[in-house]
Amino acid sequence: MGVNDRGTKKWSSMMLPEHVVELKELRKEVSLQQKPILDEQQFQEFNFRLVLAQKDNLCVEVKYFHSGSIKIVKGYVDTINYLDQYIMIDEKRIISNDIIDVNIL
């Protein structure tokens, strides 16, 4: 808690419970990140790295966007499903459109 939190705590006891809930939801919305916009060339590069990693059984680090935040998963590519547009990494299903970076480790 910083100096800015003091004001909210000071006045929250005099607020209606509905207002406290709304303030918490507003803080949560503000902390959410926006999904980065990628071009087709970046998607092709990610696909190339994933196929190479699957073929040669290499460990990858995949950054993906999920529920307003960026998540990271490390592991081996089990499945690349082009029809349903997802990949499986160590039993973790990641939607292809949510991928924002792929690195071979």
C-alpha atoms as a PDB file:
ATOM      1  CA  MET A   1       0.000   0.000   0.000  1.00  0.00           C
ATOM      2  CA  GLY A   2       1.352   3.355  -0.982  1.00  0.00           C
ATOM      3  CA  VAL A   3       0.526   6.934  -0.228  1.00  0.00           C
ATOM      4  CA  ASN A   4      -2.251   6.917  -2.833  1.00  0.00           C
ATOM      5  CA  ASP A   5      -4.027   4.007  -1.100  1.00  0.00           C
ATOM      6  CA  ARG A   6      -4.411   6.001   2.101  1.00  0.00           C
ATOM      7  CA  GLY A   7      -7.066   8.267   0.598  1.00  0.00           C
ATOM      8  CA  THR A   8      -9.189   5.404  -0.599  1.00  0.00           C
ATOM      9  CA  LYS A   9      -8.929   3.561   2.726  1.00  0.00           C
ATOM     10  CA  LYS A  10      -9.716   6.723   4.646  1.00  0.00           C
ATOM     11  CA  TRP A  11     -12.964   7.345   2.767  1.00  0.00           C
ATOM     12  CA  SER A  12     -14.055   3.767   2.087  1.00  0.00           C
ATOM     13  CA  SER A  13     -15.587   3.398   5.542  1.00  0.00           C
ATOM     14  CA  MET A  14     -18.014   6.204   4.714  1.00  0.00           C
ATOM     15  CA  MET A  15     -18.874   4.840   1.248  1.00  0.00           C
ATOM     16  CA  LEU A  16     -21.788   2.645   0.351  1.00  0.00           C
ATOM     17  CA  PRO A  17     -20.826  -1.017  -0.165  1.00  0.00           C
ATOM     18  CA  GLU A  18     -21.905  -0.756  -3.820  1.00  0.00           C
ATOM     19  CA  HIS A  19     -19.402   2.050  -4.376  1.00  0.00           C
ATOM     20  CA  VAL A  20     -16.580   0.025  -2.808  1.00  0.00           C
ATOM     21  CA  VAL A  21     -17.377  -2.892  -5.155  1.00  0.00           C
ATOM     22  CA  GLU A  22     -17.455  -0.560  -8.161  1.00  0.00           C
ATOM     23  CA  LEU A  23     -14.091   0.955  -7.201  1.00  0.00           C
ATOM     24  CA  LYS A  24     -12.534  -2.517  -6.948  1.00  0.00           C
ATOM     25  CA  GLU A  25     -13.914  -3.468 -10.377  1.00  0.00           C
ATOM     26  CA  LEU A  26     -12.627  -0.207 -11.858  1.00  0.00           C
ATOM     27  CA  ARG A  27      -9.128  -0.892 -10.489  1.00  0.00           C
ATOM     28  CA  LYS A  28      -9.261  -4.394 -11.985  1.00  0.00           C
ATOM     29  CA  GLU A  29     -10.273  -3.055 -15.419  1.00  0.00           C
ATOM     30  CA  VAL A  30      -7.502  -0.435 -15.368  1.00  0.00           C
ATOM     31  CA  SER A  31      -4.879  -3.105 -14.608  1.00  0.00           C
ATOM     32  CA  LEU A  32      -5.906  -5.234 -17.638  1.00  0.00           C
ATOM     33  CA  GLN A  33      -3.564  -5.071 -20.614  1.00  0.00           C
ATOM     34  CA  GLN A  34      -4.527  -4.697 -24.248  1.00  0.00           C
ATOM     35  CA  LYS A  35      -3.777  -7.537 -26.660  1.00  0.00           C
ATOM     36  CA  PRO A  36      -0.848  -6.590 -28.915  1.00  0.00           C
ATOM     37  CA  ILE A  37      -1.603  -6.358 -32.636  1.00  0.00           C
ATOM     38  CA  LEU A  38       0.653  -8.568 -34.750  1.00  0.00           C
ATOM     39  CA  ASP A  39       1.040  -8.759 -38.509  1.00  0.00           C
ATOM     40  CA  GLU A  40       0.908 -11.814 -40.760  1.00  0.00           C
ATOM     41  CA  GLN A  41       4.706 -12.020 -41.045  1.00  0.00           C
ATOM     42  CA  GLN A  42       5.055 -12.389 -37.267  1.00  0.00           C
ATOM     43  CA  PHE A  43       2.467 -15.193 -37.245  1.00  0.00           C
ATOM     44  CA  GLN A  44       4.379 -16.978 -40.003  1.00  0.00           C
ATOM     45  CA  GLU A  45       7.626 -16.669 -38.018  1.00  0.00           C
ATOM     46  CA  PHE A  46       5.920 -18.084 -34.904  1.00  0.00           C
ATOM     47  CA  ASN A  47       4.534 -20.960 -36.956  1.00  0.00           C
ATOM     48  CA  PHE A  48       7.984 -21.699 -38.408  1.00  0.00           C
ATOM     49  CA  ARG A  49       9.539 -21.791 -34.919  1.00  0.00           C
ATOM     50  CA  LEU A  50       6.769 -24.026 -33.551  1.00  0.00           C
ATOM     51  CA  VAL A  51       7.045 -26.496 -36.451  1.00  0.00           C
ATOM     52  CA  LEU A  52      10.843 -26.585 -36.093  1.00  0.00           C
ATOM     53  CA  ALA A  53      10.567 -27.123 -32.334  1.00  0.00           C
ATOM     54  CA  GLN A  54       8.057 -29.940 -32.792  1.00  0.00           C
ATOM     55  CA  LYS A  55      10.090 -31.626 -35.534  1.00  0.00           C
ATOM     56  CA  ASP A  56      13.399 -31.458 -33.632  1.00  0.00           C
ATOM     57  CA  ASN A  57      11.867 -31.915 -30.152  1.00  0.00           C
ATOM     58  CA  LEU A  58      13.145 -28.546 -28.902  1.00  0.00           C
ATOM     59  CA  CYS A  59      11.951 -26.689 -25.823  1.00  0.00           C
ATOM     60  CA  VAL A  60      10.043 -23.461 -26.515  1.00  0.00           C
ATOM     61  CA  GLU A  61       8.862 -20.459 -24.546  1.00  0.00           C
ATOM     62  CA  VAL A  62       5.503 -19.161 -25.732  1.00  0.00           C
ATOM     63  CA  LYS A  63       4.061 -15.845 -24.597  1.00  0.00           C
ATOM     64  CA  TYR A  64       0.325 -15.560 -25.089  1.00  0.00           C
ATOM     65  CA  PHE A  65      -2.512 -13.234 -24.183  1.00  0.00           C
ATOM     66  CA  HIS A  66      -5.240 -14.551 -21.880  1.00  0.00           C
ATOM     67  CA  SER A  67      -7.922 -12.710 -19.897  1.00  0.00           C
ATOM     68  CA  GLY A  68      -6.257  -9.308 -20.004  1.00  0.00           C
ATOM     69  CA  SER A  69      -2.740 -10.412 -19.146  1.00  0.00           C
ATOM     70  CA  ILE A  70       0.297 -11.941 -20.789  1.00  0.00           C
ATOM     71  CA  LYS A  71       1.113 -15.508 -19.775  1.00  0.00           C
ATOM     72  CA  ILE A  72       4.241 -17.575 -20.454  1.00  0.00           C
ATOM     73  CA  VAL A  73       4.496 -21.334 -20.903  1.00  0.00           C
ATOM     74  CA  LYS A  74       7.702 -23.321 -21.436  1.00  0.00           C
ATOM     75  CA  GLY A  75       7.814 -26.854 -22.720  1.00  0.00           C
ATOM     76  CA  TYR A  76       7.732 -29.111 -25.754  1.00  0.00           C
ATOM     77  CA  VAL A  77       5.233 -28.768 -28.602  1.00  0.00           C
ATOM     78  CA  ASP A  78       2.919 -31.787 -28.543  1.00  0.00           C
ATOM     79  CA  THR A  79       0.379 -30.782 -31.189  1.00  0.00           C
ATOM     80  CA  ILE A  80      -0.118 -28.091 -33.797  1.00  0.00           C
ATOM     81  CA  ASN A  81      -3.758 -28.160 -34.912  1.00  0.00           C
ATOM     82  CA  TYR A  82      -4.229 -25.982 -38.003  1.00  0.00           C
ATOM     83  CA  LEU A  83      -7.912 -26.808 -38.414  1.00  0.00           C
ATOM     84  CA  ASP A  84      -9.019 -25.721 -34.924  1.00  0.00           C
ATOM     85  CA  GLN A  85      -6.136 -23.204 -34.632  1.00  0.00           C
ATOM     86  CA  TYR A  86      -4.493 -24.192 -31.378  1.00  0.00           C
ATOM     87  CA  ILE A  87      -1.249 -25.715 -30.129  1.00  0.00           C
ATOM     88  CA  MET A  88      -0.585 -28.037 -27.223  1.00  0.00           C
ATOM     89  CA  ILE A  89       2.517 -27.562 -25.097  1.00  0.00           C
ATOM     90  CA  ASP A  90       2.898 -30.077 -22.287  1.00  0.00           C
ATOM     91  CA  GLU A  91      -0.900 -30.584 -22.156  1.00  0.00           C
ATOM     92  CA  LYS A  92      -1.558 -26.797 -22.113  1.00  0.00           C
ATOM     93  CA  ARG A  93      -3.881 -25.715 -24.941  1.00  0.00           C
ATOM     94  CA  ILE A  94      -3.088 -22.298 -26.434  1.00  0.00           C
ATOM     95  CA  ILE A  95      -5.225 -20.662 -29.118  1.00  0.00           C
ATOM     96  CA  SER A  96      -3.045 -19.675 -32.077  1.00  0.00           C
ATOM     97  CA  ASN A  97      -4.465 -16.139 -32.324  1.00  0.00           C
ATOM     98  CA  ASP A  98      -3.502 -15.474 -28.677  1.00  0.00           C
ATOM     99  CA  ILE A  99       0.224 -16.156 -29.250  1.00  0.00           C
ATOM    100  CA  ILE A 100       2.325 -12.993 -29.108  1.00  0.00           C
ATOM    101  CA  ASP A 101       5.864 -14.455 -29.090  1.00  0.00           C
ATOM    102  CA  VAL A 102       7.667 -17.784 -29.577  1.00  0.00           C
ATOM    103  CA  ASN A 103      11.300 -18.454 -28.671  1.00  0.00           C
ATOM    104  CA  ILE A 104      13.240 -21.686 -29.020  1.00  0.00           C
ATOM    105  CA  LEU A 105      15.273 -22.350 -25.893  1.00  0.00           C
END
